[in-house]
Amino acid sequence: MSSQPFVLPEKGSGKKMKRQEQLMIQKTERYVRKELENEASGHDWWHIHRVRNLALTIAAHEKESTIDPFVCEMSALLHDIPDEKLNESLEAGERKVRNWLEELKLEKRKSDEILAIVLHLSYKGGTNKVELQTIEGKIVQDADRLDAIGAIGIARTMAYSGAHGRLIHDPNKKPREEMTLEEYRSGNDTAILHFYEKLLKLKETIHTNYGKKIAADRHRYMELFLEEFYQEWDGKK
């Protein structure tokens, strides 16, 4: 199955994308897919594909006519390229995305907007306190966090846990409330603890009105999953 370019619905932002911008998006999609296609951390190409589509869906439902779909789509495509988990260092990841935008010869204003989003988007175990200022940044951040919850979020959590030798559940372990970034990434939790340490907190971090509607549904789906999980774990059904 190959991905198809996402078509922005009629309602929403009135801005139309220029032909040059469309070509940049196509080139960036090929670049990102090559970089992340075999990534097994949950930040693979299909995660990018979903976040891009969801960001544009949210943009289409928001009432602000100033939303730039090009900045939304480019930021969604590039948002995991500088992630330090996928690079030798934070600095190496930042260099990679800067070099790509320079290669595209993108105008400085839009390049700076995209960089501001992708370099400050990550949740980082709740330690990231940078508040994204633009509506495009809030839309892409919402889309990224929404992909971490609901049915997709459950699937990603279990896949990641299995790949990293993390237990599904240990009743003796309790959720950690305050963690450094190093503690968050230490792997000293379980798949079920991850719900309490991150996933169930994300609903309250969503910015956009349409994103909040999606988050409410996905959050409830996780709650129902956990209710069923504990019933089965205790052998009650």
C-alpha atoms as a PDB file:
ATOM      1  CA  MET A   1       0.000   0.000   0.000  1.00  0.00           C
ATOM      2  CA  SER A   2       1.366   3.423  -0.878  1.00  0.00           C
ATOM      3  CA  SER A   3       0.361   6.677   0.783  1.00  0.00           C
ATOM      4  CA  GLN A   4      -1.615   9.204  -1.201  1.00  0.00           C
ATOM      5  CA  PRO A   5      -1.338  12.974  -0.769  1.00  0.00           C
ATOM      6  CA  PHE A   6      -3.960  14.158   1.678  1.00  0.00           C
ATOM      7  CA  VAL A   7      -6.562  16.463   0.127  1.00  0.00           C
ATOM      8  CA  LEU A   8      -7.582  19.337   2.380  1.00  0.00           C
ATOM      9  CA  PRO A   9     -11.385  19.438   2.724  1.00  0.00           C
ATOM     10  CA  GLU A  10     -13.323  22.413   1.377  1.00  0.00           C
ATOM     11  CA  LYS A  11     -14.144  24.005   4.716  1.00  0.00           C
ATOM     12  CA  GLY A  12     -11.585  25.631   6.959  1.00  0.00           C
ATOM     13  CA  SER A  13      -8.566  27.640   5.889  1.00  0.00           C
ATOM     14  CA  GLY A  14      -9.069  29.642   2.742  1.00  0.00           C
ATOM     15  CA  LYS A  15      -5.373  29.612   1.868  1.00  0.00           C
ATOM     16  CA  LYS A  16      -4.394  27.732  -1.252  1.00  0.00           C
ATOM     17  CA  MET A  17      -1.050  26.050  -1.606  1.00  0.00           C
ATOM     18  CA  LYS A  18       1.295  27.257  -4.332  1.00  0.00           C
ATOM     19  CA  ARG A  19       2.622  24.804  -6.896  1.00  0.00           C
ATOM     20  CA  GLN A  20       6.165  25.322  -5.590  1.00  0.00           C
ATOM     21  CA  GLU A  21       5.007  24.461  -2.082  1.00  0.00           C
ATOM     22  CA  GLN A  22       3.274  21.322  -3.317  1.00  0.00           C
ATOM     23  CA  LEU A  23       6.525  20.193  -4.931  1.00  0.00           C
ATOM     24  CA  MET A  24       8.418  20.844  -1.683  1.00  0.00           C
ATOM     25  CA  ILE A  25       5.914  18.704   0.201  1.00  0.00           C
ATOM     26  CA  GLN A  26       6.263  15.863  -2.296  1.00  0.00           C
ATOM     27  CA  LYS A  27      10.060  16.022  -2.035  1.00  0.00           C
ATOM     28  CA  THR A  28       9.905  16.195   1.763  1.00  0.00           C
ATOM     29  CA  GLU A  29       7.558  13.216   1.906  1.00  0.00           C
ATOM     30  CA  ARG A  30      10.051  11.117  -0.079  1.00  0.00           C
ATOM     31  CA  TYR A  31      12.892  12.259   2.184  1.00  0.00           C
ATOM     32  CA  VAL A  32      11.059  11.516   5.443  1.00  0.00           C
ATOM     33  CA  ARG A  33       9.781   8.174   4.226  1.00  0.00           C
ATOM     34  CA  LYS A  34      13.333   7.115   3.349  1.00  0.00           C
ATOM     35  CA  GLU A  35      14.592   8.262   6.758  1.00  0.00           C
ATOM     36  CA  LEU A  36      11.905   6.610   8.900  1.00  0.00           C
ATOM     37  CA  GLU A  37      10.424   3.739   6.899  1.00  0.00           C
ATOM     38  CA  ASN A  38      12.243   1.075   8.942  1.00  0.00           C
ATOM     39  CA  GLU A  39      12.101   2.863  12.297  1.00  0.00           C
ATOM     40  CA  ALA A  40      10.733   0.523  14.983  1.00  0.00           C
ATOM     41  CA  SER A  41      10.305   2.931  17.909  1.00  0.00           C
ATOM     42  CA  GLY A  42       6.755   3.938  17.032  1.00  0.00           C
ATOM     43  CA  HIS A  43       8.028   6.947  15.098  1.00  0.00           C
ATOM     44  CA  ASP A  44       7.934   5.202  11.740  1.00  0.00           C
ATOM     45  CA  TRP A  45       6.691   6.545   8.404  1.00  0.00           C
ATOM     46  CA  TRP A  46       3.096   5.507   9.056  1.00  0.00           C
ATOM     47  CA  HIS A  47       3.070   7.548  12.268  1.00  0.00           C
ATOM     48  CA  ILE A  48       4.159  10.548  10.193  1.00  0.00           C
ATOM     49  CA  HIS A  49       1.496   9.738   7.592  1.00  0.00           C
ATOM     50  CA  ARG A  50      -1.256   9.665  10.234  1.00  0.00           C
ATOM     51  CA  VAL A  51      -0.080  12.849  11.951  1.00  0.00           C
ATOM     52  CA  ARG A  52       0.085  14.701   8.625  1.00  0.00           C
ATOM     53  CA  ASN A  53      -3.450  13.654   7.691  1.00  0.00           C
ATOM     54  CA  LEU A  54      -4.862  14.409  11.122  1.00  0.00           C
ATOM     55  CA  ALA A  55      -3.164  17.824  11.268  1.00  0.00           C
ATOM     56  CA  LEU A  56      -4.807  18.796   7.990  1.00  0.00           C
ATOM     57  CA  THR A  57      -8.157  17.445   9.175  1.00  0.00           C
ATOM     58  CA  ILE A  58      -7.937  19.587  12.323  1.00  0.00           C
ATOM     59  CA  ALA A  59      -6.843  22.614  10.278  1.00  0.00           C
ATOM     60  CA  ALA A  60      -9.885  22.181   8.035  1.00  0.00           C
ATOM     61  CA  HIS A  61     -12.249  22.252  11.020  1.00  0.00           C
ATOM     62  CA  GLU A  62     -10.709  25.245  12.781  1.00  0.00           C
ATOM     63  CA  LYS A  63     -12.325  28.597  11.995  1.00  0.00           C
ATOM     64  CA  GLU A  64      -9.132  30.655  11.663  1.00  0.00           C
ATOM     65  CA  SER A  65      -8.722  31.732   8.037  1.00  0.00           C
ATOM     66  CA  THR A  66      -5.033  32.525   8.590  1.00  0.00           C
ATOM     67  CA  ILE A  67      -4.002  28.880   9.022  1.00  0.00           C
ATOM     68  CA  ASP A  68      -1.220  28.005   6.583  1.00  0.00           C
ATOM     69  CA  PRO A  69      -1.747  24.387   5.417  1.00  0.00           C
ATOM     70  CA  PHE A  70       1.774  24.309   3.953  1.00  0.00           C
ATOM     71  CA  VAL A  71       3.372  25.039   7.330  1.00  0.00           C
ATOM     72  CA  CYS A  72       1.070  22.474   8.974  1.00  0.00           C
ATOM     73  CA  GLU A  73       1.899  19.750   6.469  1.00  0.00           C
ATOM     74  CA  MET A  74       5.644  20.405   6.337  1.00  0.00           C
ATOM     75  CA  SER A  75       5.870  20.518  10.141  1.00  0.00           C
ATOM     76  CA  ALA A  76       3.910  17.283  10.456  1.00  0.00           C
ATOM     77  CA  LEU A  77       6.152  15.564   7.919  1.00  0.00           C
ATOM     78  CA  LEU A  78       9.373  16.735   9.588  1.00  0.00           C
ATOM     79  CA  HIS A  79       8.363  16.641  13.244  1.00  0.00           C
ATOM     80  CA  ASP A  80      10.314  13.474  14.142  1.00  0.00           C
ATOM     81  CA  ILE A  81      13.393  14.102  11.985  1.00  0.00           C
ATOM     82  CA  PRO A  82      15.225  16.077  14.731  1.00  0.00           C
ATOM     83  CA  ASP A  83      14.136  13.774  17.582  1.00  0.00           C
ATOM     84  CA  GLU A  84      17.216  12.990  19.670  1.00  0.00           C
ATOM     85  CA  LYS A  85      16.010   9.404  20.137  1.00  0.00           C
ATOM     86  CA  LEU A  86      16.464   8.898  16.391  1.00  0.00           C
ATOM     87  CA  ASN A  87      19.779  10.753  16.072  1.00  0.00           C
ATOM     88  CA  GLU A  88      23.233  10.739  17.617  1.00  0.00           C
ATOM     89  CA  SER A  89      22.331  13.829  19.620  1.00  0.00           C
ATOM     90  CA  LEU A  90      19.817  16.659  19.904  1.00  0.00           C
ATOM     91  CA  GLU A  91      22.220  18.897  17.992  1.00  0.00           C
ATOM     92  CA  ALA A  92      22.647  16.350  15.189  1.00  0.00           C
ATOM     93  CA  GLY A  93      18.889  16.061  14.778  1.00  0.00           C
ATOM     94  CA  GLU A  94      18.450  19.823  14.648  1.00  0.00           C
ATOM     95  CA  ARG A  95      21.210  20.101  12.041  1.00  0.00           C
ATOM     96  CA  LYS A  96      19.486  17.491   9.916  1.00  0.00           C
ATOM     97  CA  VAL A  97      16.186  19.357   9.705  1.00  0.00           C
ATOM     98  CA  ARG A  98      17.914  22.739   9.210  1.00  0.00           C
ATOM     99  CA  ASN A  99      19.981  21.315   6.351  1.00  0.00           C
ATOM    100  CA  TRP A 100      16.861  19.910   4.704  1.00  0.00           C
ATOM    101  CA  LEU A 101      15.012  23.214   4.813  1.00  0.00           C
ATOM    102  CA  GLU A 102      18.077  24.980   3.413  1.00  0.00           C
ATOM    103  CA  GLU A 103      18.274  22.426   0.600  1.00  0.00           C
ATOM    104  CA  LEU A 104      14.671  23.242  -0.305  1.00  0.00           C
ATOM    105  CA  LYS A 105      15.595  26.945  -0.416  1.00  0.00           C
ATOM    106  CA  LEU A 106      12.488  27.711   1.587  1.00  0.00           C
ATOM    107  CA  GLU A 107      11.896  31.362   2.448  1.00  0.00           C
ATOM    108  CA  LYS A 108      13.290  32.274   5.867  1.00  0.00           C
ATOM    109  CA  ARG A 109       9.967  33.206   7.473  1.00  0.00           C
ATOM    110  CA  LYS A 110       8.344  29.857   6.747  1.00  0.00           C
ATOM    111  CA  SER A 111      11.536  27.970   7.482  1.00  0.00           C
ATOM    112  CA  ASP A 112      11.709  29.622  10.914  1.00  0.00           C
ATOM    113  CA  GLU A 113       8.027  28.821  11.563  1.00  0.00           C
ATOM    114  CA  ILE A 114       8.531  25.148  10.720  1.00  0.00           C
ATOM    115  CA  LEU A 115      11.715  24.918  12.807  1.00  0.00           C
ATOM    116  CA  ALA A 116      10.007  26.493  15.811  1.00  0.00           C
ATOM    117  CA  ILE A 117       7.336  23.816  15.610  1.00  0.00           C
ATOM    118  CA  VAL A 118       9.413  20.690  15.014  1.00  0.00           C
ATOM    119  CA  LEU A 119      12.106  21.609  17.550  1.00  0.00           C
ATOM    120  CA  HIS A 120       9.612  22.215  20.393  1.00  0.00           C
ATOM    121  CA  LEU A 121       6.812  19.757  19.660  1.00  0.00           C
ATOM    122  CA  SER A 122       7.812  16.707  21.677  1.00  0.00           C
ATOM    123  CA  TYR A 123       6.083  15.712  24.926  1.00  0.00           C
ATOM    124  CA  LYS A 124       9.330  14.476  26.533  1.00  0.00           C
ATOM    125  CA  GLY A 125       7.579  12.866  29.469  1.00  0.00           C
ATOM    126  CA  GLY A 126       5.842  16.112  30.334  1.00  0.00           C
ATOM    127  CA  THR A 127       9.162  17.898  30.858  1.00  0.00           C
ATOM    128  CA  ASN A 128       8.778  20.058  27.737  1.00  0.00           C
ATOM    129  CA  LYS A 129       7.340  23.345  29.010  1.00  0.00           C
ATOM    130  CA  VAL A 130       7.677  25.283  25.730  1.00  0.00           C
ATOM    131  CA  GLU A 131       4.294  26.632  24.652  1.00  0.00           C
ATOM    132  CA  LEU A 132       3.925  26.684  20.878  1.00  0.00           C
ATOM    133  CA  GLN A 133       2.697  30.125  19.846  1.00  0.00           C
ATOM    134  CA  THR A 134       1.242  29.661  16.365  1.00  0.00           C
ATOM    135  CA  ILE A 135      -2.015  27.979  15.434  1.00  0.00           C
ATOM    136  CA  GLU A 136      -0.066  25.757  13.020  1.00  0.00           C
ATOM    137  CA  GLY A 137       2.188  24.602  15.859  1.00  0.00           C
ATOM    138  CA  LYS A 138      -0.767  23.841  18.106  1.00  0.00           C
ATOM    139  CA  ILE A 139      -2.499  21.899  15.333  1.00  0.00           C
ATOM    140  CA  VAL A 140       0.529  19.702  14.603  1.00  0.00           C
ATOM    141  CA  GLN A 141       1.233  19.141  18.283  1.00  0.00           C
ATOM    142  CA  ASP A 142      -2.390  18.110  18.778  1.00  0.00           C
ATOM    143  CA  ALA A 143      -2.195  15.677  15.865  1.00  0.00           C
ATOM    144  CA  ASP A 144       1.029  14.134  17.203  1.00  0.00           C
ATOM    145  CA  ARG A 145      -0.405  13.683  20.693  1.00  0.00           C
ATOM    146  CA  LEU A 146      -3.700  12.330  19.387  1.00  0.00           C
ATOM    147  CA  ASP A 147      -1.756   9.611  17.574  1.00  0.00           C
ATOM    148  CA  ALA A 148      -0.470   8.493  20.990  1.00  0.00           C
ATOM    149  CA  ILE A 149      -3.947   7.776  22.380  1.00  0.00           C
ATOM    150  CA  GLY A 150      -7.031   5.765  21.437  1.00  0.00           C
ATOM    151  CA  ALA A 151      -6.792   2.478  19.547  1.00  0.00           C
ATOM    152  CA  ILE A 152      -3.623   3.560  17.750  1.00  0.00           C
ATOM    153  CA  GLY A 153      -2.063   4.647  21.024  1.00  0.00           C
ATOM    154  CA  ILE A 154      -2.797   1.283  22.623  1.00  0.00           C
ATOM    155  CA  ALA A 155      -1.320  -0.558  19.648  1.00  0.00           C
ATOM    156  CA  ARG A 156       1.806   1.615  19.626  1.00  0.00           C
ATOM    157  CA  THR A 157       2.301   1.157  23.373  1.00  0.00           C
ATOM    158  CA  MET A 158       2.111  -2.619  23.154  1.00  0.00           C
ATOM    159  CA  ALA A 159       4.338  -2.786  20.084  1.00  0.00           C
ATOM    160  CA  TYR A 160       6.966  -0.565  21.711  1.00  0.00           C
ATOM    161  CA  SER A 161       6.798  -2.512  24.978  1.00  0.00           C
ATOM    162  CA  GLY A 162       7.326  -5.833  23.232  1.00  0.00           C
ATOM    163  CA  ALA A 163      10.217  -4.475  21.191  1.00  0.00           C
ATOM    164  CA  HIS A 164      11.961  -3.139  24.307  1.00  0.00           C
ATOM    165  CA  GLY A 165      11.352  -6.030  26.684  1.00  0.00           C
ATOM    166  CA  ARG A 166       8.880  -4.079  28.794  1.00  0.00           C
ATOM    167  CA  LEU A 167       6.299  -6.094  30.781  1.00  0.00           C
ATOM    168  CA  ILE A 168       2.620  -5.688  29.960  1.00  0.00           C
ATOM    169  CA  HIS A 169       1.706  -5.223  33.629  1.00  0.00           C
ATOM    170  CA  ASP A 170       3.165  -5.547  37.115  1.00  0.00           C
ATOM    171  CA  PRO A 171       0.615  -4.856  39.893  1.00  0.00           C
ATOM    172  CA  ASN A 172       3.463  -4.088  42.302  1.00  0.00           C
ATOM    173  CA  LYS A 173       4.640  -1.109  40.288  1.00  0.00           C
ATOM    174  CA  LYS A 174       2.955   2.262  40.735  1.00  0.00           C
ATOM    175  CA  PRO A 175       2.846   5.232  38.358  1.00  0.00           C
ATOM    176  CA  ARG A 176       5.593   7.818  38.806  1.00  0.00           C
ATOM    177  CA  GLU A 177       4.204  11.342  39.146  1.00  0.00           C
ATOM    178  CA  GLU A 178       7.374  13.401  38.837  1.00  0.00           C
ATOM    179  CA  MET A 179      10.101  12.247  36.483  1.00  0.00           C
ATOM    180  CA  THR A 180      13.173  13.651  34.808  1.00  0.00           C
ATOM    181  CA  LEU A 181      13.480  13.020  31.066  1.00  0.00           C
ATOM    182  CA  GLU A 182      16.097  10.343  31.804  1.00  0.00           C
ATOM    183  CA  GLU A 183      13.753   8.573  34.238  1.00  0.00           C
ATOM    184  CA  TYR A 184      10.894   8.765  31.740  1.00  0.00           C
ATOM    185  CA  ARG A 185      13.034   7.082  29.099  1.00  0.00           C
ATOM    186  CA  SER A 186      14.660   4.573  31.460  1.00  0.00           C
ATOM    187  CA  GLY A 187      12.284   1.718  30.602  1.00  0.00           C
ATOM    188  CA  ASN A 188      11.527   1.102  34.282  1.00  0.00           C
ATOM    189  CA  ASP A 189       7.798   1.044  33.694  1.00  0.00           C
ATOM    190  CA  THR A 190       5.290  -1.328  32.097  1.00  0.00           C
ATOM    191  CA  ALA A 191       2.927  -0.977  29.151  1.00  0.00           C
ATOM    192  CA  ILE A 192       0.001  -0.379  31.528  1.00  0.00           C
ATOM    193  CA  LEU A 193       1.938   2.143  33.634  1.00  0.00           C
ATOM    194  CA  HIS A 194       2.579   4.122  30.450  1.00  0.00           C
ATOM    195  CA  PHE A 195      -1.139   4.874  30.291  1.00  0.00           C
ATOM    196  CA  TYR A 196      -0.967   6.623  33.673  1.00  0.00           C
ATOM    197  CA  GLU A 197       2.412   8.272  33.172  1.00  0.00           C
ATOM    198  CA  LYS A 198       1.561   9.718  29.750  1.00  0.00           C
ATOM    199  CA  LEU A 199      -1.402   8.592  27.661  1.00  0.00           C
ATOM    200  CA  LEU A 200      -4.214   9.470  30.064  1.00  0.00           C
ATOM    201  CA  LYS A 201      -2.678  12.920  30.614  1.00  0.00           C
ATOM    202  CA  LEU A 202      -2.629  13.944  26.956  1.00  0.00           C
ATOM    203  CA  LYS A 203      -6.321  14.841  26.650  1.00  0.00           C
ATOM    204  CA  GLU A 204      -5.770  17.897  28.866  1.00  0.00           C
ATOM    205  CA  THR A 205      -2.887  19.167  26.705  1.00  0.00           C
ATOM    206  CA  ILE A 206      -4.883  19.478  23.456  1.00  0.00           C
ATOM    207  CA  HIS A 207      -5.257  23.039  22.135  1.00  0.00           C
ATOM    208  CA  THR A 208      -7.772  23.038  19.281  1.00  0.00           C
ATOM    209  CA  ASN A 209     -11.528  22.640  19.540  1.00  0.00           C
ATOM    210  CA  TYR A 210     -11.721  19.832  17.000  1.00  0.00           C
ATOM    211  CA  GLY A 211      -8.698  18.144  18.535  1.00  0.00           C
ATOM    212  CA  LYS A 212     -10.433  18.176  21.919  1.00  0.00           C
ATOM    213  CA  LYS A 213     -13.432  16.364  20.444  1.00  0.00           C
ATOM    214  CA  ILE A 214     -11.189  13.653  19.013  1.00  0.00           C
ATOM    215  CA  ALA A 215      -9.242  13.420  22.273  1.00  0.00           C
ATOM    216  CA  ALA A 216     -12.398  12.910  24.334  1.00  0.00           C
ATOM    217  CA  ASP A 217     -13.419   9.911  22.232  1.00  0.00           C
ATOM    218  CA  ARG A 218      -9.946   8.377  22.182  1.00  0.00           C
ATOM    219  CA  HIS A 219      -9.476   8.963  25.907  1.00  0.00           C
ATOM    220  CA  ARG A 220     -12.733   7.162  26.694  1.00  0.00           C
ATOM    221  CA  TYR A 221     -11.666   4.267  24.478  1.00  0.00           C
ATOM    222  CA  MET A 222      -8.512   3.852  26.577  1.00  0.00           C
ATOM    223  CA  GLU A 223     -10.515   3.976  29.802  1.00  0.00           C
ATOM    224  CA  LEU A 224     -12.782   1.201  28.521  1.00  0.00           C
ATOM    225  CA  PHE A 225      -9.722  -0.815  27.479  1.00  0.00           C
ATOM    226  CA  LEU A 226      -8.222  -0.519  30.965  1.00  0.00           C
ATOM    227  CA  GLU A 227     -11.510  -1.517  32.612  1.00  0.00           C
ATOM    228  CA  GLU A 228     -11.640  -4.636  30.445  1.00  0.00           C
ATOM    229  CA  PHE A 229      -7.924  -5.322  30.978  1.00  0.00           C
ATOM    230  CA  TYR A 230      -8.193  -5.372  34.782  1.00  0.00           C
ATOM    231  CA  GLN A 231     -11.302  -7.578  34.653  1.00  0.00           C
ATOM    232  CA  GLU A 232      -9.428 -10.098  32.513  1.00  0.00           C
ATOM    233  CA  TRP A 233      -6.183  -9.756  34.530  1.00  0.00           C
ATOM    234  CA  ASP A 234      -8.029 -10.647  37.730  1.00  0.00           C
ATOM    235  CA  GLY A 235      -9.791 -13.547  36.038  1.00  0.00           C
ATOM    236  CA  LYS A 236     -13.227 -12.078  36.579  1.00  0.00           C
ATOM    237  CA  LYS A 237     -14.373 -12.511  33.004  1.00  0.00           C
END
